Amino acid sequence: MLVSKRIPERYQNYISQQAKLTVEEAAAFFPIYNECQEKKNQLNSQIWKLRKEARGKELTEKEYQRMLEEIAQLRVQIDELDKSYLPRYHKVLSYKKIFDVQGTELRFHREMLKEMNHPKSKKRTEHKK
């Protein structure tokens, strides 16, 4: 299976398997997907930067309002970016498979959070004792 350099192999394999992408579909899809993810990561970085800048500071209500409006606008840009990539995704995948990929993303992140919060490794549980 073709593995992208931009997203972890485990993540790409999980999406490919769960959304039942063929090798050809995955090879065509993931470069487009990675491009979108990079753009979304840049927008998310801007959100985190704004939040970090405010941490520990006493801002005025106007400053908080401006910051929250800016964060909301960045989130809208992320949603618009997702929407703008749908036609590009559809050139290589059916809408059903795009829908399946999006659901798979959510499940993957949920599973990762569960693993982080409930480690199965004895080493991690031994450190907690």
N, C-alpha and C. Protein backbone atom coordinates (compact mmCIF):
# COMPACT_ATOMS: atom_id res chain seq x y z
N MET A 1 0.84 -1.18 0.00
CA MET A 1 0.00 0.00 0.00
C MET A 1 0.88 1.24 0.00
N LEU A 2 0.53 2.24 -0.79
CA LEU A 2 1.26 3.50 -0.85
C LEU A 2 1.02 4.26 0.45
N VAL A 3 2.08 4.72 1.09
CA VAL A 3 1.94 5.43 2.35
C VAL A 3 2.46 6.84 2.18
N SER A 4 1.65 7.79 2.60
CA SER A 4 2.02 9.19 2.52
C SER A 4 3.10 9.51 3.53
N LYS A 5 3.91 10.47 3.23
CA LYS A 5 4.94 10.92 4.16
C LYS A 5 4.38 11.91 5.16
N ARG A 6 3.22 12.49 4.87
CA ARG A 6 2.71 13.57 5.70
C ARG A 6 1.85 13.10 6.87
N ILE A 7 1.12 12.05 6.70
CA ILE A 7 0.31 11.55 7.82
C ILE A 7 0.87 10.20 8.23
N PRO A 8 0.76 9.90 9.52
CA PRO A 8 1.33 8.64 10.01
C PRO A 8 0.76 7.42 9.27
N GLU A 9 1.61 6.45 9.07
CA GLU A 9 1.23 5.23 8.36
C GLU A 9 0.03 4.56 9.02
N ARG A 10 0.04 4.52 10.35
CA ARG A 10 -1.06 3.88 11.08
C ARG A 10 -2.39 4.56 10.76
N TYR A 11 -2.38 5.88 10.70
CA TYR A 11 -3.58 6.65 10.41
C TYR A 11 -4.06 6.39 8.99
N GLN A 12 -3.15 6.44 8.05
CA GLN A 12 -3.50 6.22 6.65
C GLN A 12 -4.01 4.80 6.44
N ASN A 13 -3.35 3.83 7.04
CA ASN A 13 -3.80 2.44 6.92
C ASN A 13 -5.18 2.25 7.53
N TYR A 14 -5.40 2.87 8.68
CA TYR A 14 -6.70 2.77 9.35
C TYR A 14 -7.80 3.32 8.44
N ILE A 15 -7.56 4.52 7.90
CA ILE A 15 -8.56 5.13 7.01
C ILE A 15 -8.79 4.24 5.79
N SER A 16 -7.71 3.79 5.18
CA SER A 16 -7.83 2.96 3.98
C SER A 16 -8.63 1.69 4.25
N GLN A 17 -8.33 1.03 5.36
CA GLN A 17 -9.01 -0.22 5.68
C GLN A 17 -10.47 0.01 6.05
N GLN A 18 -10.71 0.96 6.94
CA GLN A 18 -12.07 1.18 7.43
C GLN A 18 -12.99 1.74 6.35
N ALA A 19 -12.46 2.59 5.49
CA ALA A 19 -13.27 3.16 4.41
C ALA A 19 -13.24 2.29 3.16
N LYS A 20 -12.51 1.17 3.26
CA LYS A 20 -12.42 0.20 2.17
C LYS A 20 -11.91 0.84 0.86
N LEU A 21 -10.81 1.61 0.99
CA LEU A 21 -10.21 2.21 -0.19
C LEU A 21 -9.33 1.18 -0.88
N THR A 22 -9.39 1.15 -2.19
CA THR A 22 -8.48 0.30 -2.94
C THR A 22 -7.09 0.96 -2.92
N VAL A 23 -6.09 0.22 -3.31
CA VAL A 23 -4.72 0.76 -3.38
C VAL A 23 -4.71 1.97 -4.32
N GLU A 24 -5.40 1.86 -5.45
CA GLU A 24 -5.45 2.94 -6.43
C GLU A 24 -6.16 4.16 -5.87
N GLU A 25 -7.28 3.92 -5.18
CA GLU A 25 -8.02 5.04 -4.58
C GLU A 25 -7.16 5.73 -3.52
N ALA A 26 -6.52 4.96 -2.67
CA ALA A 26 -5.67 5.54 -1.63
C ALA A 26 -4.54 6.35 -2.24
N ALA A 27 -3.92 5.83 -3.28
CA ALA A 27 -2.81 6.53 -3.94
C ALA A 27 -3.26 7.85 -4.53
N ALA A 28 -4.48 7.91 -5.03
CA ALA A 28 -5.00 9.14 -5.61
C ALA A 28 -5.55 10.09 -4.55
N PHE A 29 -6.12 9.52 -3.49
CA PHE A 29 -6.80 10.32 -2.47
C PHE A 29 -5.85 11.01 -1.49
N PHE A 30 -4.88 10.27 -0.96
CA PHE A 30 -4.09 10.81 0.14
C PHE A 30 -3.25 12.04 -0.19
N PRO A 31 -2.74 12.21 -1.39
CA PRO A 31 -2.05 13.48 -1.68
C PRO A 31 -2.99 14.70 -1.57
N ILE A 32 -4.23 14.54 -2.03
CA ILE A 32 -5.21 15.62 -1.93
C ILE A 32 -5.58 15.83 -0.46
N TYR A 33 -5.82 14.74 0.23
CA TYR A 33 -6.18 14.79 1.65
C TYR A 33 -5.07 15.48 2.46
N ASN A 34 -3.83 15.11 2.18
CA ASN A 34 -2.70 15.71 2.90
C ASN A 34 -2.61 17.21 2.66
N GLU A 35 -2.86 17.61 1.44
CA GLU A 35 -2.84 19.04 1.11
C GLU A 35 -3.87 19.78 1.96
N CYS A 36 -5.07 19.23 2.02
CA CYS A 36 -6.13 19.84 2.82
C CYS A 36 -5.75 19.85 4.30
N GLN A 37 -5.23 18.74 4.80
CA GLN A 37 -4.85 18.66 6.21
C GLN A 37 -3.77 19.67 6.57
N GLU A 38 -2.82 19.88 5.67
CA GLU A 38 -1.76 20.87 5.92
C GLU A 38 -2.36 22.27 6.06
N LYS A 39 -3.29 22.60 5.19
CA LYS A 39 -3.94 23.91 5.26
C LYS A 39 -4.75 24.04 6.54
N LYS A 40 -5.46 22.98 6.91
CA LYS A 40 -6.23 23.01 8.16
C LYS A 40 -5.31 23.13 9.36
N ASN A 41 -4.16 22.44 9.32
CA ASN A 41 -3.20 22.54 10.42
C ASN A 41 -2.67 23.96 10.57
N GLN A 42 -2.45 24.65 9.45
CA GLN A 42 -2.00 26.03 9.53
C GLN A 42 -3.04 26.92 10.20
N LEU A 43 -4.31 26.71 9.85
CA LEU A 43 -5.38 27.49 10.48
C LEU A 43 -5.51 27.15 11.96
N ASN A 44 -5.43 25.85 12.29
CA ASN A 44 -5.47 25.45 13.70
C ASN A 44 -4.30 26.02 14.48
N SER A 45 -3.14 26.11 13.85
CA SER A 45 -1.97 26.70 14.52
C SER A 45 -2.22 28.16 14.84
N GLN A 46 -2.90 28.85 13.95
CA GLN A 46 -3.24 30.25 14.22
C GLN A 46 -4.18 30.37 15.41
N ILE A 47 -5.12 29.43 15.52
CA ILE A 47 -6.04 29.43 16.67
C ILE A 47 -5.25 29.23 17.95
N TRP A 48 -4.36 28.21 17.97
CA TRP A 48 -3.57 27.94 19.16
C TRP A 48 -2.64 29.10 19.50
N LYS A 49 -2.12 29.76 18.49
CA LYS A 49 -1.26 30.92 18.71
C LYS A 49 -2.03 32.04 19.41
N LEU A 50 -3.24 32.30 18.94
CA LEU A 50 -4.08 33.32 19.58
C LEU A 50 -4.36 32.97 21.04
N ARG A 51 -4.70 31.73 21.28
CA ARG A 51 -5.01 31.31 22.65
C ARG A 51 -3.77 31.39 23.54
N LYS A 52 -2.62 31.01 22.98
CA LYS A 52 -1.37 31.06 23.74
C LYS A 52 -0.99 32.50 24.08
N GLU A 53 -1.19 33.40 23.13
CA GLU A 53 -0.88 34.81 23.36
C GLU A 53 -1.69 35.39 24.52
N ALA A 54 -2.91 34.91 24.68
CA ALA A 54 -3.80 35.44 25.71
C ALA A 54 -3.57 34.80 27.08
N ARG A 55 -2.94 33.61 27.08
CA ARG A 55 -2.77 32.88 28.33
C ARG A 55 -1.98 33.70 29.35
N GLY A 56 -2.54 33.81 30.53
CA GLY A 56 -1.87 34.49 31.63
C GLY A 56 -1.96 36.00 31.56
N LYS A 57 -2.64 36.53 30.60
CA LYS A 57 -2.78 37.98 30.46
C LYS A 57 -4.15 38.42 30.92
N GLU A 58 -4.22 39.63 31.37
CA GLU A 58 -5.50 40.24 31.72
C GLU A 58 -5.93 41.08 30.52
N LEU A 59 -6.84 40.56 29.73
CA LEU A 59 -7.30 41.27 28.56
C LEU A 59 -8.63 41.96 28.86
N THR A 60 -8.91 42.98 28.08
CA THR A 60 -10.20 43.66 28.22
C THR A 60 -11.27 42.81 27.54
N GLU A 61 -12.52 43.12 27.84
CA GLU A 61 -13.64 42.42 27.19
C GLU A 61 -13.57 42.61 25.68
N LYS A 62 -13.19 43.80 25.24
CA LYS A 62 -13.06 44.06 23.81
C LYS A 62 -11.99 43.18 23.19
N GLU A 63 -10.87 43.01 23.87
CA GLU A 63 -9.79 42.17 23.36
C GLU A 63 -10.22 40.71 23.29
N TYR A 64 -10.93 40.24 24.34
CA TYR A 64 -11.45 38.87 24.30
C TYR A 64 -12.46 38.72 23.17
N GLN A 65 -13.31 39.70 22.99
CA GLN A 65 -14.29 39.66 21.91
C GLN A 65 -13.59 39.56 20.56
N ARG A 66 -12.59 40.39 20.33
CA ARG A 66 -11.85 40.37 19.07
C ARG A 66 -11.21 39.02 18.84
N MET A 67 -10.60 38.49 19.91
CA MET A 67 -9.93 37.20 19.80
C MET A 67 -10.93 36.08 19.49
N LEU A 68 -12.05 36.06 20.17
CA LEU A 68 -13.06 35.04 19.94
C LEU A 68 -13.65 35.14 18.53
N GLU A 69 -13.82 36.35 18.05
CA GLU A 69 -14.32 36.53 16.69
C GLU A 69 -13.29 36.03 15.67
N GLU A 70 -12.03 36.31 15.94
CA GLU A 70 -10.97 35.84 15.05
C GLU A 70 -10.89 34.31 15.04
N ILE A 71 -11.00 33.70 16.22
CA ILE A 71 -10.98 32.24 16.32
C ILE A 71 -12.19 31.65 15.59
N ALA A 72 -13.36 32.24 15.77
CA ALA A 72 -14.56 31.76 15.09
C ALA A 72 -14.39 31.86 13.57
N GLN A 73 -13.78 32.94 13.10
CA GLN A 73 -13.56 33.10 11.67
C GLN A 73 -12.59 32.06 11.14
N LEU A 74 -11.56 31.75 11.91
CA LEU A 74 -10.62 30.70 11.51
C LEU A 74 -11.31 29.34 11.43
N ARG A 75 -12.22 29.07 12.36
CA ARG A 75 -12.97 27.81 12.33
C ARG A 75 -13.89 27.74 11.11
N VAL A 76 -14.47 28.88 10.75
CA VAL A 76 -15.30 28.94 9.54
C VAL A 76 -14.42 28.65 8.32
N GLN A 77 -13.22 29.20 8.29
CA GLN A 77 -12.30 28.93 7.18
C GLN A 77 -11.96 27.45 7.08
N ILE A 78 -11.81 26.79 8.23
CA ILE A 78 -11.54 25.34 8.23
C ILE A 78 -12.72 24.60 7.61
N ASP A 79 -13.94 24.96 8.01
CA ASP A 79 -15.12 24.32 7.44
C ASP A 79 -15.26 24.60 5.94
N GLU A 80 -14.96 25.83 5.54
CA GLU A 80 -15.02 26.18 4.11
C GLU A 80 -13.97 25.40 3.33
N LEU A 81 -12.82 25.21 3.93
CA LEU A 81 -11.76 24.43 3.29
C LEU A 81 -12.22 22.99 3.08
N ASP A 82 -12.81 22.39 4.12
CA ASP A 82 -13.35 21.03 3.98
C ASP A 82 -14.35 20.97 2.82
N LYS A 83 -15.23 21.93 2.78
CA LYS A 83 -16.25 21.95 1.73
C LYS A 83 -15.62 22.13 0.35
N SER A 84 -14.61 22.97 0.26
CA SER A 84 -13.98 23.24 -1.04
C SER A 84 -13.24 22.02 -1.58
N TYR A 85 -12.83 21.11 -0.71
CA TYR A 85 -12.11 19.92 -1.15
C TYR A 85 -13.03 18.78 -1.58
N LEU A 86 -14.29 18.86 -1.27
CA LEU A 86 -15.21 17.78 -1.65
C LEU A 86 -15.19 17.46 -3.15
N PRO A 87 -15.25 18.46 -4.03
CA PRO A 87 -15.19 18.12 -5.47
C PRO A 87 -13.87 17.44 -5.86
N ARG A 88 -12.78 17.85 -5.25
CA ARG A 88 -11.49 17.23 -5.56
C ARG A 88 -11.46 15.79 -5.06
N TYR A 89 -11.99 15.56 -3.86
CA TYR A 89 -12.06 14.20 -3.35
C TYR A 89 -12.95 13.35 -4.26
N HIS A 90 -14.05 13.95 -4.74
CA HIS A 90 -15.00 13.19 -5.54
C HIS A 90 -14.42 12.79 -6.89
N LYS A 91 -13.38 13.44 -7.34
CA LYS A 91 -12.74 13.03 -8.59
C LYS A 91 -12.07 11.67 -8.44
N VAL A 92 -11.75 11.28 -7.19
CA VAL A 92 -11.06 10.00 -6.98
C VAL A 92 -11.85 9.02 -6.12
N LEU A 93 -12.85 9.49 -5.40
CA LEU A 93 -13.66 8.63 -4.53
C LEU A 93 -15.14 8.94 -4.72
N SER A 94 -15.97 7.95 -4.46
CA SER A 94 -17.42 8.19 -4.45
C SER A 94 -17.76 9.02 -3.22
N TYR A 95 -18.92 9.67 -3.24
CA TYR A 95 -19.34 10.43 -2.06
C TYR A 95 -19.51 9.51 -0.86
N LYS A 96 -19.95 8.29 -1.09
CA LYS A 96 -20.09 7.34 0.02
C LYS A 96 -18.73 7.10 0.68
N LYS A 97 -17.70 6.90 -0.14
CA LYS A 97 -16.37 6.65 0.44
C LYS A 97 -15.83 7.90 1.14
N ILE A 98 -16.13 9.08 0.60
CA ILE A 98 -15.72 10.32 1.28
C ILE A 98 -16.40 10.38 2.64
N PHE A 99 -17.69 10.06 2.67
CA PHE A 99 -18.45 10.04 3.91
C PHE A 99 -17.84 9.04 4.89
N ASP A 100 -17.47 7.86 4.37
CA ASP A 100 -16.85 6.83 5.20
C ASP A 100 -15.49 7.28 5.73
N VAL A 101 -14.71 7.97 4.90
CA VAL A 101 -13.41 8.48 5.35
C VAL A 101 -13.61 9.46 6.50
N GLN A 102 -14.57 10.36 6.38
CA GLN A 102 -14.80 11.35 7.43
C GLN A 102 -15.25 10.68 8.73
N GLY A 103 -16.09 9.68 8.64
CA GLY A 103 -16.50 8.95 9.85
C GLY A 103 -15.33 8.20 10.45
N THR A 104 -14.50 7.65 9.60
CA THR A 104 -13.32 6.92 10.05
C THR A 104 -12.35 7.83 10.78
N GLU A 105 -12.19 9.06 10.28
CA GLU A 105 -11.33 10.03 10.96
C GLU A 105 -11.80 10.24 12.40
N LEU A 106 -13.09 10.43 12.56
CA LEU A 106 -13.65 10.66 13.90
C LEU A 106 -13.41 9.46 14.81
N ARG A 107 -13.65 8.25 14.29
CA ARG A 107 -13.43 7.04 15.10
C ARG A 107 -11.97 6.88 15.47
N PHE A 108 -11.07 7.17 14.54
CA PHE A 108 -9.63 7.04 14.81
C PHE A 108 -9.23 7.96 15.96
N HIS A 109 -9.67 9.21 15.88
CA HIS A 109 -9.29 10.17 16.93
C HIS A 109 -9.91 9.78 18.28
N ARG A 110 -11.12 9.27 18.26
CA ARG A 110 -11.77 8.82 19.49
C ARG A 110 -10.99 7.66 20.09
N GLU A 111 -10.57 6.71 19.24
CA GLU A 111 -9.80 5.56 19.72
C GLU A 111 -8.44 5.99 20.28
N MET A 112 -7.81 6.95 19.62
CA MET A 112 -6.51 7.44 20.10
C MET A 112 -6.66 8.09 21.48
N LEU A 113 -7.73 8.84 21.68
CA LEU A 113 -7.97 9.45 22.99
C LEU A 113 -8.21 8.39 24.05
N LYS A 114 -8.94 7.35 23.70
CA LYS A 114 -9.17 6.25 24.65
C LYS A 114 -7.86 5.58 25.02
N GLU A 115 -7.00 5.35 24.02
CA GLU A 115 -5.70 4.72 24.29
C GLU A 115 -4.86 5.60 25.21
N MET A 116 -4.90 6.89 24.99
CA MET A 116 -4.12 7.81 25.82
C MET A 116 -4.64 7.84 27.26
N ASN A 117 -5.96 7.76 27.40
CA ASN A 117 -6.57 7.84 28.73
C ASN A 117 -6.62 6.50 29.45
N HIS A 118 -6.54 5.41 28.71
CA HIS A 118 -6.61 4.07 29.29
C HIS A 118 -5.53 3.19 28.69
N PRO A 119 -4.29 3.46 29.05
CA PRO A 119 -3.20 2.68 28.44
C PRO A 119 -3.28 1.21 28.82
N LYS A 120 -2.99 0.35 27.85
CA LYS A 120 -2.99 -1.09 28.08
C LYS A 120 -1.62 -1.57 28.53
N SER A 121 -0.63 -0.77 28.29
CA SER A 121 0.75 -1.14 28.61
C SER A 121 0.96 -1.22 30.11
N LYS A 122 1.61 -2.30 30.58
CA LYS A 122 1.91 -2.44 32.01
C LYS A 122 2.86 -1.36 32.48
N LYS A 123 3.78 -0.97 31.61
CA LYS A 123 4.76 0.04 31.98
C LYS A 123 4.08 1.34 32.39
N ARG A 124 3.09 1.76 31.62
CA ARG A 124 2.41 3.02 31.93
C ARG A 124 1.59 2.89 33.20
N THR A 125 0.94 1.74 33.42
CA THR A 125 0.13 1.58 34.63
C THR A 125 1.02 1.41 35.85
N GLU A 126 2.20 0.79 35.70
CA GLU A 126 3.10 0.66 36.83
C GLU A 126 3.60 1.99 37.32
N HIS A 127 3.79 2.96 36.43
CA HIS A 127 4.26 4.28 36.82
C HIS A 127 3.23 5.02 37.64
N LYS A 128 1.97 4.66 37.49
CA LYS A 128 0.90 5.35 38.21
C LYS A 128 0.79 4.88 39.66
N LYS A 129 1.35 3.70 39.97
CA LYS A 129 1.22 3.12 41.32
C LYS A 129 2.06 3.86 42.33
